[in-house]
Amino acid sequence: MTDILLVDDEQPLLRILSRTLERAGYGVVSADSVEAALAHAAHRSFDIVITDLKIQEADDGLKVAQGVRALQSNIGVLIITAYATVPSAVEAMRMGADDYLMKPVETEELLVRIAGVLERRQLRREVQKLRSRLCADRDAGVIGAETGLKAIFGSLDRVALSDLPVLVQGESGTGKELVARAVHEHSNRQGRAFVAVNCAAMPEHLLESELFGHVQGAFTGADRARRGLFEEAHNGTLFLDEIGDISPALQVRLLRVLQEQEIRPVGANVNRKVDVRVIAATHHDLAARVRDGGFRDDLYFRLNVLPLMVPSLRSRRDDIPELTAYFVERHCSKAGRPVPHLTAEAIRKLAAYQWPGNVRELRNVIERSLTLAADTDVLDAADIRLDIGAHEGDWDVFRHLPRLMSLADLERHYFSYVLECTQGNQVKAAEILQVGKNTVWRRMRDQRSP
């Protein structure tokens, strides 16, 4: 439903216009002063504000237009007045009005003007969306929307246009924060604050103060009052990364905030209203943690209204060439050096790797490889410095095997994997496996034999 904020200090006209618009199918909230109008706009999103130019004998309708646009940048503004003059019309448009209508107001004319304002509002939104996509620097976490991330981006607009909580899940390094930022940038809160906090990065008592704020003297060292991140993100989006690591006590407080849309700073006696869209992320399987008693089921269901699963890099290998090219171009641009040619062998080596660190690891590998490469014009397979030893003892590598298998089968799989990474180079494979070249040759012969 389209929501309208209706502002006029004449109560009879306010009631008539309100009933007219409600019969036309609009949701209407009425205000009879500038202060009341701005209070409504600060706590609720509207599609259009319709305001009288003269409020309490002053041109306060212009204050309404300017104030609501400051709170909601994409809101439509329609000015209605009995004092239509060219200067006032010009001033109204300059202050952000979309249209200007004289009293007495004809119902059909009013509805036509409203439709026009809403159409222009939608066009502005589309222009902003296209501009942000064309002009903003591409984020590596959202490259590959046509391949591995297609499932996420197919529903991104629908998820973004809602104000419901979002739960982004995926392994570390997959770009969960970048997906959260994409949701924010496509939402009605675009242009407002996007505040991010890593919940696993600080102790419970510090995280509580960070999220909800505190009053002066609330605890030792609290020599002044401080606003929390929920208030910093008012009318915007709060991204709670690694939500699965917060304590049971904080889980209770967070659940209440989501339910009541109000916070209580540490040491305070009263609650404060906030309008915040919460996007949470975790690398944990939260459903499993709920079953194990490590996470509250009511908070899980409250957060998991709109779930997004970010796939691992190894499950979207088709994106590796594009991601690699992006990281190469970005690094070279920052370093002020020419972009080298990536050989097909280099791409194959990157595509064959398992990427336990996902996109973050790929970026690090590319930056290290470019820094240490001897040839500045070509990046070959030999120049790719993988983190082969960085994940020793990491059991995740076994979780991605196609099945449990015998030691002999596991050895054959690993032998084939090393040959694939070295593009069949028996000398390099022998060095990695620490065996003789003849051993590698015999194993290749045996694997080819029926």
Foldseek 3Di string as FASTA:
>chain_A
DAEEEEEALDVVVQVVVCVLVVVVPYHYDYDHDLVVLLVCLLADDHQEYEYECAHPNHRCLLVSQLSSCVSQVLHAYEYEYQDDDPVVQVSSVVSPHPYYYYPPDDSVVVVVVVVVRSVVSVVVLVVQVVCCVPPPQDDLLCQPCVFQVVVVVVCLLVQLADLAAEEEEAAAQNCSVVSVVSSQCNYSLHPADEAEDEQVPDDQVVVLCQAAWAAAPLDPPSNHTDHHVQQSQFSGEYEYEAPLPHQPVVLVQVLCCLVPQWGAHRPHDDIGHGRYRYYYYHHDPVVVCCVVVSHPPSSVCRNHPHYHYRYFCLVGLVSQVVSLQSLQVVLCVVVVADRAAEDPLLSQLVSLDNPSNGSVQSSVQSNQLCVPPPDNHYRYLVSRDHVVPPCVVPCVVVVPDPDDDDPVVVVLVVLVSLCSNVVNPLVSSCVVVVHDSVVNVVSVVVVPDD
